Amino acid sequence: FAHVDAGKTTTTERILKLTGKIHK
């Protein structure tokens, strides 16, 4: 959680990429 535009959703995307849940 964070302020608008601090990068929460991008951070979530990276967690999924690193843990192998998404490839692109």
mmCIF file of all heavy atoms, coordinates in Angstrom:
data_MODEL
# 
_entry.id   MODEL 
# 
loop_
_atom_site.group_PDB 
_atom_site.id 
_atom_site.type_symbol 
_atom_site.label_atom_id 
_atom_site.label_alt_id 
_atom_site.label_comp_id 
_atom_site.label_asym_id 
_atom_site.label_entity_id 
_atom_site.label_seq_id 
_atom_site.pdbx_PDB_ins_code 
_atom_site.Cartn_x 
_atom_site.Cartn_y 
_atom_site.Cartn_z 
_atom_site.occupancy 
_atom_site.B_iso_or_equiv 
_atom_site.pdbx_formal_charge 
_atom_site.auth_seq_id 
_atom_site.auth_comp_id 
_atom_site.auth_asym_id 
_atom_site.auth_atom_id 
_atom_site.pdbx_PDB_model_num 
ATOM 1   N N   . PHE A 1 1  ? 0.840  -1.197  0.000   1.00 0.00 ? 1  PHE A N   1 
ATOM 2   C CA  . PHE A 1 1  ? 0.000  0.000   0.000   1.00 0.00 ? 1  PHE A CA  1 
ATOM 3   C C   . PHE A 1 1  ? 0.871  1.240   0.000   1.00 0.00 ? 1  PHE A C   1 
ATOM 4   O O   . PHE A 1 1  ? 1.993  1.220   0.483   1.00 0.00 ? 1  PHE A O   1 
ATOM 5   C CB  . PHE A 1 1  ? -0.956 -0.002  1.199   1.00 0.00 ? 1  PHE A CB  1 
ATOM 6   C CG  . PHE A 1 1  ? -0.293 -0.267  2.509   1.00 0.00 ? 1  PHE A CG  1 
ATOM 7   C CD1 . PHE A 1 1  ? 0.156  0.775   3.288   1.00 0.00 ? 1  PHE A CD1 1 
ATOM 8   C CD2 . PHE A 1 1  ? -0.100 -1.569  2.958   1.00 0.00 ? 1  PHE A CD2 1 
ATOM 9   C CE1 . PHE A 1 1  ? 0.780  0.529   4.492   1.00 0.00 ? 1  PHE A CE1 1 
ATOM 10  C CE2 . PHE A 1 1  ? 0.526  -1.812  4.169   1.00 0.00 ? 1  PHE A CE2 1 
ATOM 11  C CZ  . PHE A 1 1  ? 0.967  -0.764  4.938   1.00 0.00 ? 1  PHE A CZ  1 
ATOM 12  N N   . ALA A 1 2  ? 0.351  2.321   -0.573  1.00 0.00 ? 2  ALA A N   1 
ATOM 13  C CA  . ALA A 1 2  ? 1.127  3.547   -0.708  1.00 0.00 ? 2  ALA A CA  1 
ATOM 14  C C   . ALA A 1 2  ? 0.293  4.626   -1.360  1.00 0.00 ? 2  ALA A C   1 
ATOM 15  O O   . ALA A 1 2  ? -0.857 4.421   -1.714  1.00 0.00 ? 2  ALA A O   1 
ATOM 16  C CB  . ALA A 1 2  ? 2.353  3.288   -1.579  1.00 0.00 ? 2  ALA A CB  1 
ATOM 17  N N   . HIS A 1 3  ? 0.929  5.778   -1.564  1.00 0.00 ? 3  HIS A N   1 
ATOM 18  C CA  . HIS A 1 3  ? 0.293  6.912   -2.225  1.00 0.00 ? 3  HIS A CA  1 
ATOM 19  C C   . HIS A 1 3  ? 0.093  6.602   -3.713  1.00 0.00 ? 3  HIS A C   1 
ATOM 20  O O   . HIS A 1 3  ? 0.747  5.729   -4.262  1.00 0.00 ? 3  HIS A O   1 
ATOM 21  C CB  . HIS A 1 3  ? 1.240  8.109   -2.077  1.00 0.00 ? 3  HIS A CB  1 
ATOM 22  C CG  . HIS A 1 3  ? 0.662  9.386   -2.571  1.00 0.00 ? 3  HIS A CG  1 
ATOM 23  N ND1 . HIS A 1 3  ? -0.250 10.088  -1.844  1.00 0.00 ? 3  HIS A ND1 1 
ATOM 24  C CD2 . HIS A 1 3  ? 0.854  10.079  -3.705  1.00 0.00 ? 3  HIS A CD2 1 
ATOM 25  C CE1 . HIS A 1 3  ? -0.581 11.168  -2.523  1.00 0.00 ? 3  HIS A CE1 1 
ATOM 26  N NE2 . HIS A 1 3  ? 0.071  11.181  -3.649  1.00 0.00 ? 3  HIS A NE2 1 
ATOM 27  N N   . VAL A 1 4  ? -0.803 7.342   -4.355  1.00 0.00 ? 4  VAL A N   1 
ATOM 28  C CA  . VAL A 1 4  ? -0.990 7.220   -5.807  1.00 0.00 ? 4  VAL A CA  1 
ATOM 29  C C   . VAL A 1 4  ? 0.376  7.392   -6.486  1.00 0.00 ? 4  VAL A C   1 
ATOM 30  O O   . VAL A 1 4  ? 1.126  8.311   -6.141  1.00 0.00 ? 4  VAL A O   1 
ATOM 31  C CB  . VAL A 1 4  ? -1.908 8.361   -6.308  1.00 0.00 ? 4  VAL A CB  1 
ATOM 32  C CG1 . VAL A 1 4  ? -2.116 8.252   -7.802  1.00 0.00 ? 4  VAL A CG1 1 
ATOM 33  C CG2 . VAL A 1 4  ? -3.240 8.298   -5.593  1.00 0.00 ? 4  VAL A CG2 1 
ATOM 34  N N   . ASP A 1 5  ? 0.693  6.507   -7.432  1.00 0.00 ? 5  ASP A N   1 
ATOM 35  C CA  . ASP A 1 5  ? 1.911  6.646   -8.252  1.00 0.00 ? 5  ASP A CA  1 
ATOM 36  C C   . ASP A 1 5  ? 3.226  6.409   -7.531  1.00 0.00 ? 5  ASP A C   1 
ATOM 37  O O   . ASP A 1 5  ? 4.265  6.840   -7.995  1.00 0.00 ? 5  ASP A O   1 
ATOM 38  C CB  . ASP A 1 5  ? 1.996  8.049   -8.897  1.00 0.00 ? 5  ASP A CB  1 
ATOM 39  C CG  . ASP A 1 5  ? 1.130  8.122   -10.135 1.00 0.00 ? 5  ASP A CG  1 
ATOM 40  O OD1 . ASP A 1 5  ? 0.684  7.054   -10.570 1.00 0.00 ? 5  ASP A OD1 1 
ATOM 41  O OD2 . ASP A 1 5  ? 0.908  9.220   -10.653 1.00 0.00 ? 5  ASP A OD2 1 
ATOM 42  N N   . ALA A 1 6  ? 3.220  5.724   -6.368  1.00 0.00 ? 6  ALA A N   1 
ATOM 43  C CA  . ALA A 1 6  ? 4.517  5.427   -5.749  1.00 0.00 ? 6  ALA A CA  1 
ATOM 44  C C   . ALA A 1 6  ? 5.067  4.131   -6.343  1.00 0.00 ? 6  ALA A C   1 
ATOM 45  O O   . ALA A 1 6  ? 6.209  3.767   -6.118  1.00 0.00 ? 6  ALA A O   1 
ATOM 46  C CB  . ALA A 1 6  ? 4.370  5.292   -4.243  1.00 0.00 ? 6  ALA A CB  1 
ATOM 47  N N   . GLY A 1 7  ? 4.223  3.393   -7.082  1.00 0.00 ? 7  GLY A N   1 
ATOM 48  C CA  . GLY A 1 7  ? 4.706  2.183   -7.753  1.00 0.00 ? 7  GLY A CA  1 
ATOM 49  C C   . GLY A 1 7  ? 4.279  0.885   -7.099  1.00 0.00 ? 7  GLY A C   1 
ATOM 50  O O   . GLY A 1 7  ? 4.979  -0.118  -7.169  1.00 0.00 ? 7  GLY A O   1 
ATOM 51  N N   . LYS A 1 8  ? 3.107  0.875   -6.443  1.00 0.00 ? 8  LYS A N   1 
ATOM 52  C CA  . LYS A 1 8  ? 2.643  -0.366  -5.793  1.00 0.00 ? 8  LYS A CA  1 
ATOM 53  C C   . LYS A 1 8  ? 2.420  -1.479  -6.806  1.00 0.00 ? 8  LYS A C   1 
ATOM 54  O O   . LYS A 1 8  ? 2.866  -2.595  -6.637  1.00 0.00 ? 8  LYS A O   1 
ATOM 55  C CB  . LYS A 1 8  ? 1.299  -0.141  -5.092  1.00 0.00 ? 8  LYS A CB  1 
ATOM 56  C CG  . LYS A 1 8  ? 1.320  0.831   -3.972  1.00 0.00 ? 8  LYS A CG  1 
ATOM 57  C CD  . LYS A 1 8  ? -0.073 1.043   -3.447  1.00 0.00 ? 8  LYS A CD  1 
ATOM 58  C CE  . LYS A 1 8  ? -0.981 1.683   -4.466  1.00 0.00 ? 8  LYS A CE  1 
ATOM 59  N NZ  . LYS A 1 8  ? -0.543 2.982   -4.927  1.00 0.00 ? 8  LYS A NZ  1 
ATOM 60  N N   . THR A 1 9  ? 1.675  -1.138  -7.877  1.00 0.00 ? 9  THR A N   1 
ATOM 61  C CA  . THR A 1 9  ? 1.287  -2.187  -8.828  1.00 0.00 ? 9  THR A CA  1 
ATOM 62  C C   . THR A 1 9  ? 2.523  -2.718  -9.554  1.00 0.00 ? 9  THR A C   1 
ATOM 63  O O   . THR A 1 9  ? 2.663  -3.919  -9.774  1.00 0.00 ? 9  THR A O   1 
ATOM 64  C CB  . THR A 1 9  ? 0.237  -1.629  -9.802  1.00 0.00 ? 9  THR A CB  1 
ATOM 65  O OG1 . THR A 1 9  ? -0.870 -1.162  -9.022  1.00 0.00 ? 9  THR A OG1 1 
ATOM 66  C CG2 . THR A 1 9  ? -0.261 -2.695  -10.751 1.00 0.00 ? 9  THR A CG2 1 
ATOM 67  N N   . THR A 1 10 ? 3.456  -1.813  -9.890  1.00 0.00 ? 10 THR A N   1 
ATOM 68  C CA  . THR A 1 10 ? 4.697  -2.251  -10.545 1.00 0.00 ? 10 THR A CA  1 
ATOM 69  C C   . THR A 1 10 ? 5.477  -3.172  -9.603  1.00 0.00 ? 10 THR A C   1 
ATOM 70  O O   . THR A 1 10 ? 6.030  -4.191  -10.011 1.00 0.00 ? 10 THR A O   1 
ATOM 71  C CB  . THR A 1 10 ? 5.555  -1.018  -10.918 1.00 0.00 ? 10 THR A CB  1 
ATOM 72  O OG1 . THR A 1 10 ? 4.734  -0.123  -11.661 1.00 0.00 ? 10 THR A OG1 1 
ATOM 73  C CG2 . THR A 1 10 ? 6.755  -1.404  -11.747 1.00 0.00 ? 10 THR A CG2 1 
ATOM 74  N N   . THR A 1 11 ? 5.495  -2.824  -8.312  1.00 0.00 ? 11 THR A N   1 
ATOM 75  C CA  . THR A 1 11 ? 6.192  -3.667  -7.328  1.00 0.00 ? 11 THR A CA  1 
ATOM 76  C C   . THR A 1 11 ? 5.557  -5.057  -7.295  1.00 0.00 ? 11 THR A C   1 
ATOM 77  O O   . THR A 1 11 ? 6.255  -6.076  -7.277  1.00 0.00 ? 11 THR A O   1 
ATOM 78  C CB  . THR A 1 11 ? 6.120  -3.007  -5.930  1.00 0.00 ? 11 THR A CB  1 
ATOM 79  O OG1 . THR A 1 11 ? 6.637  -1.679  -6.029  1.00 0.00 ? 11 THR A OG1 1 
ATOM 80  C CG2 . THR A 1 11 ? 6.922  -3.777  -4.914  1.00 0.00 ? 11 THR A CG2 1 
ATOM 81  N N   . THR A 1 12 ? 4.209  -5.100  -7.316  1.00 0.00 ? 12 THR A N   1 
ATOM 82  C CA  . THR A 1 12 ? 3.520  -6.397  -7.319  1.00 0.00 ? 12 THR A CA  1 
ATOM 83  C C   . THR A 1 12 ? 3.899  -7.198  -8.568  1.00 0.00 ? 12 THR A C   1 
ATOM 84  O O   . THR A 1 12 ? 4.158  -8.402  -8.499  1.00 0.00 ? 12 THR A O   1 
ATOM 85  C CB  . THR A 1 12 ? 1.985  -6.186  -7.301  1.00 0.00 ? 12 THR A CB  1 
ATOM 86  O OG1 . THR A 1 12 ? 1.671  -5.284  -6.249  1.00 0.00 ? 12 THR A OG1 1 
ATOM 87  C CG2 . THR A 1 12 ? 1.256  -7.487  -7.067  1.00 0.00 ? 12 THR A CG2 1 
ATOM 88  N N   . GLU A 1 13 ? 3.936  -6.506  -9.724  1.00 0.00 ? 13 GLU A N   1 
ATOM 89  C CA  . GLU A 1 13 ? 4.321  -7.189  -10.977 1.00 0.00 ? 13 GLU A CA  1 
ATOM 90  C C   . GLU A 1 13 ? 5.707  -7.822  -10.835 1.00 0.00 ? 13 GLU A C   1 
ATOM 91  O O   . GLU A 1 13 ? 5.955  -8.936  -11.271 1.00 0.00 ? 13 GLU A O   1 
ATOM 92  C CB  . GLU A 1 13 ? 4.379  -6.168  -12.135 1.00 0.00 ? 13 GLU A CB  1 
ATOM 93  C CG  . GLU A 1 13 ? 3.032  -5.666  -12.592 1.00 0.00 ? 13 GLU A CG  1 
ATOM 94  C CD  . GLU A 1 13 ? 2.246  -6.732  -13.331 1.00 0.00 ? 13 GLU A CD  1 
ATOM 95  O OE1 . GLU A 1 13 ? 2.797  -7.383  -14.229 1.00 0.00 ? 13 GLU A OE1 1 
ATOM 96  O OE2 . GLU A 1 13 ? 1.075  -6.929  -12.988 1.00 0.00 ? 13 GLU A OE2 1 
ATOM 97  N N   . ARG A 1 14 ? 6.657  -7.080  -10.221 1.00 0.00 ? 14 ARG A N   1 
ATOM 98  C CA  . ARG A 1 14 ? 8.029  -7.589  -10.084 1.00 0.00 ? 14 ARG A CA  1 
ATOM 99  C C   . ARG A 1 14 ? 8.069  -8.796  -9.155  1.00 0.00 ? 14 ARG A C   1 
ATOM 100 O O   . ARG A 1 14 ? 8.811  -9.737  -9.372  1.00 0.00 ? 14 ARG A O   1 
ATOM 101 C CB  . ARG A 1 14 ? 8.957  -6.502  -9.516  1.00 0.00 ? 14 ARG A CB  1 
ATOM 102 C CG  . ARG A 1 14 ? 9.145  -5.340  -10.439 1.00 0.00 ? 14 ARG A CG  1 
ATOM 103 C CD  . ARG A 1 14 ? 9.460  -5.808  -11.861 1.00 0.00 ? 14 ARG A CD  1 
ATOM 104 N NE  . ARG A 1 14 ? 9.616  -4.705  -12.767 1.00 0.00 ? 14 ARG A NE  1 
ATOM 105 C CZ  . ARG A 1 14 ? 8.664  -4.222  -13.521 1.00 0.00 ? 14 ARG A CZ  1 
ATOM 106 N NH1 . ARG A 1 14 ? 7.457  -4.718  -13.467 1.00 0.00 ? 14 ARG A NH1 1 
ATOM 107 N NH2 . ARG A 1 14 ? 8.905  -3.242  -14.364 1.00 0.00 ? 14 ARG A NH2 1 
ATOM 108 N N   . ILE A 1 15 ? 7.247  -8.759  -8.099  1.00 0.00 ? 15 ILE A N   1 
ATOM 109 C CA  . ILE A 1 15 ? 7.216  -9.900  -7.174  1.00 0.00 ? 15 ILE A CA  1 
ATOM 110 C C   . ILE A 1 15 ? 6.749  -11.129 -7.948  1.00 0.00 ? 15 ILE A C   1 
ATOM 111 O O   . ILE A 1 15 ? 7.308  -12.219 -7.828  1.00 0.00 ? 15 ILE A O   1 
ATOM 112 C CB  . ILE A 1 15 ? 6.281  -9.606  -5.982  1.00 0.00 ? 15 ILE A CB  1 
ATOM 113 C CG1 . ILE A 1 15 ? 6.912  -8.519  -5.100  1.00 0.00 ? 15 ILE A CG1 1 
ATOM 114 C CG2 . ILE A 1 15 ? 6.031  -10.865 -5.160  1.00 0.00 ? 15 ILE A CG2 1 
ATOM 115 C CD1 . ILE A 1 15 ? 6.061  -8.081  -3.922  1.00 0.00 ? 15 ILE A CD1 1 
ATOM 116 N N   . LEU A 1 16 ? 5.727  -10.947 -8.799  1.00 0.00 ? 16 LEU A N   1 
ATOM 117 C CA  . LEU A 1 16 ? 5.195  -12.082 -9.563  1.00 0.00 ? 16 LEU A CA  1 
ATOM 118 C C   . LEU A 1 16 ? 6.230  -12.582 -10.573 1.00 0.00 ? 16 LEU A C   1 
ATOM 119 O O   . LEU A 1 16 ? 6.349  -13.776 -10.825 1.00 0.00 ? 16 LEU A O   1 
ATOM 120 C CB  . LEU A 1 16 ? 3.911  -11.674 -10.298 1.00 0.00 ? 16 LEU A CB  1 
ATOM 121 C CG  . LEU A 1 16 ? 2.733  -11.333 -9.383  1.00 0.00 ? 16 LEU A CG  1 
ATOM 122 C CD1 . LEU A 1 16 ? 1.520  -10.933 -10.195 1.00 0.00 ? 16 LEU A CD1 1 
ATOM 123 C CD2 . LEU A 1 16 ? 2.386  -12.506 -8.489  1.00 0.00 ? 16 LEU A CD2 1 
ATOM 124 N N   . LYS A 1 17 ? 6.986  -11.652 -11.157 1.00 0.00 ? 17 LYS A N   1 
ATOM 125 C CA  . LYS A 1 17 ? 8.003  -12.043 -12.140 1.00 0.00 ? 17 LYS A CA  1 
ATOM 126 C C   . LYS A 1 17 ? 9.108  -12.840 -11.438 1.00 0.00 ? 17 LYS A C   1 
ATOM 127 O O   . LYS A 1 17 ? 9.529  -13.904 -11.880 1.00 0.00 ? 17 LYS A O   1 
ATOM 128 C CB  . LYS A 1 17 ? 8.571  -10.775 -12.784 1.00 0.00 ? 17 LYS A CB  1 
ATOM 129 C CG  . LYS A 1 17 ? 9.788  -10.996 -13.668 1.00 0.00 ? 17 LYS A CG  1 
ATOM 130 C CD  . LYS A 1 17 ? 9.400  -11.385 -15.075 1.00 0.00 ? 17 LYS A CD  1 
ATOM 131 C CE  . LYS A 1 17 ? 10.583 -11.386 -16.018 1.00 0.00 ? 17 LYS A CE  1 
ATOM 132 N NZ  . LYS A 1 17 ? 11.086 -12.696 -16.330 1.00 0.00 ? 17 LYS A NZ  1 
ATOM 133 N N   . LEU A 1 18 ? 9.563  -12.311 -10.297 1.00 0.00 ? 18 LEU A N   1 
ATOM 134 C CA  . LEU A 1 18 ? 10.657 -12.962 -9.587  1.00 0.00 ? 18 LEU A CA  1 
ATOM 135 C C   . LEU A 1 18 ? 10.259 -14.334 -9.059  1.00 0.00 ? 18 LEU A C   1 
ATOM 136 O O   . LEU A 1 18 ? 11.069 -15.233 -8.961  1.00 0.00 ? 18 LEU A O   1 
ATOM 137 C CB  . LEU A 1 18 ? 11.095 -12.099 -8.395  1.00 0.00 ? 18 LEU A CB  1 
ATOM 138 C CG  . LEU A 1 18 ? 12.092 -10.997 -8.727  1.00 0.00 ? 18 LEU A CG  1 
ATOM 139 C CD1 . LEU A 1 18 ? 12.281 -10.100 -7.529  1.00 0.00 ? 18 LEU A CD1 1 
ATOM 140 C CD2 . LEU A 1 18 ? 13.431 -11.594 -9.129  1.00 0.00 ? 18 LEU A CD2 1 
ATOM 141 N N   . THR A 1 19 ? 8.978  -14.475 -8.668  1.00 0.00 ? 19 THR A N   1 
ATOM 142 C CA  . THR A 1 19 ? 8.559  -15.748 -8.090  1.00 0.00 ? 19 THR A CA  1 
ATOM 143 C C   . THR A 1 19 ? 8.067  -16.688 -9.189  1.00 0.00 ? 19 THR A C   1 
ATOM 144 O O   . THR A 1 19 ? 7.487  -17.729 -8.902  1.00 0.00 ? 19 THR A O   1 
ATOM 145 C CB  . THR A 1 19 ? 7.442  -15.532 -7.058  1.00 0.00 ? 19 THR A CB  1 
ATOM 146 O OG1 . THR A 1 19 ? 6.378  -14.806 -7.681  1.00 0.00 ? 19 THR A OG1 1 
ATOM 147 C CG2 . THR A 1 19 ? 7.930  -14.741 -5.870  1.00 0.00 ? 19 THR A CG2 1 
ATOM 148 N N   . GLY A 1 20 ? 8.264  -16.271 -10.452 1.00 0.00 ? 20 GLY A N   1 
ATOM 149 C CA  . GLY A 1 20 ? 7.954  -17.175 -11.560 1.00 0.00 ? 20 GLY A CA  1 
ATOM 150 C C   . GLY A 1 20 ? 6.480  -17.305 -11.880 1.00 0.00 ? 20 GLY A C   1 
ATOM 151 O O   . GLY A 1 20 ? 6.062  -18.239 -12.552 1.00 0.00 ? 20 GLY A O   1 
ATOM 152 N N   . LYS A 1 21 ? 5.640  -16.366 -11.400 1.00 0.00 ? 21 LYS A N   1 
ATOM 153 C CA  . LYS A 1 21 ? 4.199  -16.494 -11.664 1.00 0.00 ? 21 LYS A CA  1 
ATOM 154 C C   . LYS A 1 21 ? 3.826  -15.939 -13.031 1.00 0.00 ? 21 LYS A C   1 
ATOM 155 O O   . LYS A 1 21 ? 2.838  -16.318 -13.627 1.00 0.00 ? 21 LYS A O   1 
ATOM 156 C CB  . LYS A 1 21 ? 3.385  -15.752 -10.589 1.00 0.00 ? 21 LYS A CB  1 
ATOM 157 C CG  . LYS A 1 21 ? 3.140  -16.598 -9.362  1.00 0.00 ? 21 LYS A CG  1 
ATOM 158 C CD  . LYS A 1 21 ? 2.291  -17.811 -9.675  1.00 0.00 ? 21 LYS A CD  1 
ATOM 159 C CE  . LYS A 1 21 ? 2.220  -18.743 -8.493  1.00 0.00 ? 21 LYS A CE  1 
ATOM 160 N NZ  . LYS A 1 21 ? 1.668  -20.035 -8.779  1.00 0.00 ? 21 LYS A NZ  1 
ATOM 161 N N   . ILE A 1 22 ? 4.575  -14.923 -13.499 1.00 0.00 ? 22 ILE A N   1 
ATOM 162 C CA  . ILE A 1 22 ? 4.290  -14.418 -14.845 1.00 0.00 ? 22 ILE A CA  1 
ATOM 163 C C   . ILE A 1 22 ? 5.606  -14.366 -15.606 1.00 0.00 ? 22 ILE A C   1 
ATOM 164 O O   . ILE A 1 22 ? 6.665  -14.179 -15.016 1.00 0.00 ? 22 ILE A O   1 
ATOM 165 C CB  . ILE A 1 22 ? 3.662  -12.998 -14.832 1.00 0.00 ? 22 ILE A CB  1 
ATOM 166 C CG1 . ILE A 1 22 ? 4.433  -12.049 -13.889 1.00 0.00 ? 22 ILE A CG1 1 
ATOM 167 C CG2 . ILE A 1 22 ? 2.206  -13.028 -14.442 1.00 0.00 ? 22 ILE A CG2 1 
ATOM 168 C CD1 . ILE A 1 22 ? 3.957  -10.624 -13.945 1.00 0.00 ? 22 ILE A CD1 1 
ATOM 169 N N   . HIS A 1 23 ? 5.549  -14.531 -16.904 1.00 0.00 ? 23 HIS A N   1 
ATOM 170 C CA  . HIS A 1 23 ? 6.791  -14.564 -17.682 1.00 0.00 ? 23 HIS A CA  1 
ATOM 171 C C   . HIS A 1 23 ? 7.020  -13.245 -18.391 1.00 0.00 ? 23 HIS A C   1 
ATOM 172 O O   . HIS A 1 23 ? 8.120  -12.757 -18.502 1.00 0.00 ? 23 HIS A O   1 
ATOM 173 C CB  . HIS A 1 23 ? 6.756  -15.731 -18.659 1.00 0.00 ? 23 HIS A CB  1 
ATOM 174 C CG  . HIS A 1 23 ? 6.588  -17.026 -17.913 1.00 0.00 ? 23 HIS A CG  1 
ATOM 175 N ND1 . HIS A 1 23 ? 7.560  -17.509 -17.060 1.00 0.00 ? 23 HIS A ND1 1 
ATOM 176 C CD2 . HIS A 1 23 ? 5.549  -17.883 -17.822 1.00 0.00 ? 23 HIS A CD2 1 
ATOM 177 C CE1 . HIS A 1 23 ? 7.127  -18.634 -16.493 1.00 0.00 ? 23 HIS A CE1 1 
ATOM 178 N NE2 . HIS A 1 23 ? 5.901  -18.874 -16.939 1.00 0.00 ? 23 HIS A NE2 1 
ATOM 179 N N   . LYS A 1 24 ? 5.916  -12.638 -18.862 1.00 0.00 ? 24 LYS A N   1 
ATOM 180 C CA  . LYS A 1 24 ? 6.064  -11.320 -19.498 1.00 0.00 ? 24 LYS A CA  1 
ATOM 181 C C   . LYS A 1 24 ? 5.552  -10.296 -18.490 1.00 0.00 ? 24 LYS A C   1 
ATOM 182 O O   . LYS A 1 24 ? 4.458  -10.431 -17.956 1.00 0.00 ? 24 LYS A O   1 
ATOM 183 C CB  . LYS A 1 24 ? 5.201  -11.279 -20.761 1.00 0.00 ? 24 LYS A CB  1 
ATOM 184 C CG  . LYS A 1 24 ? 5.114  -9.907  -21.381 1.00 0.00 ? 24 LYS A CG  1 
ATOM 185 C CD  . LYS A 1 24 ? 4.118  -9.908  -22.527 1.00 0.00 ? 24 LYS A CD  1 
ATOM 186 C CE  . LYS A 1 24 ? 3.861  -8.514  -23.031 1.00 0.00 ? 24 LYS A CE  1 
ATOM 187 N NZ  . LYS A 1 24 ? 3.183  -7.631  -22.092 1.00 0.00 ? 24 LYS A NZ  1 
# 
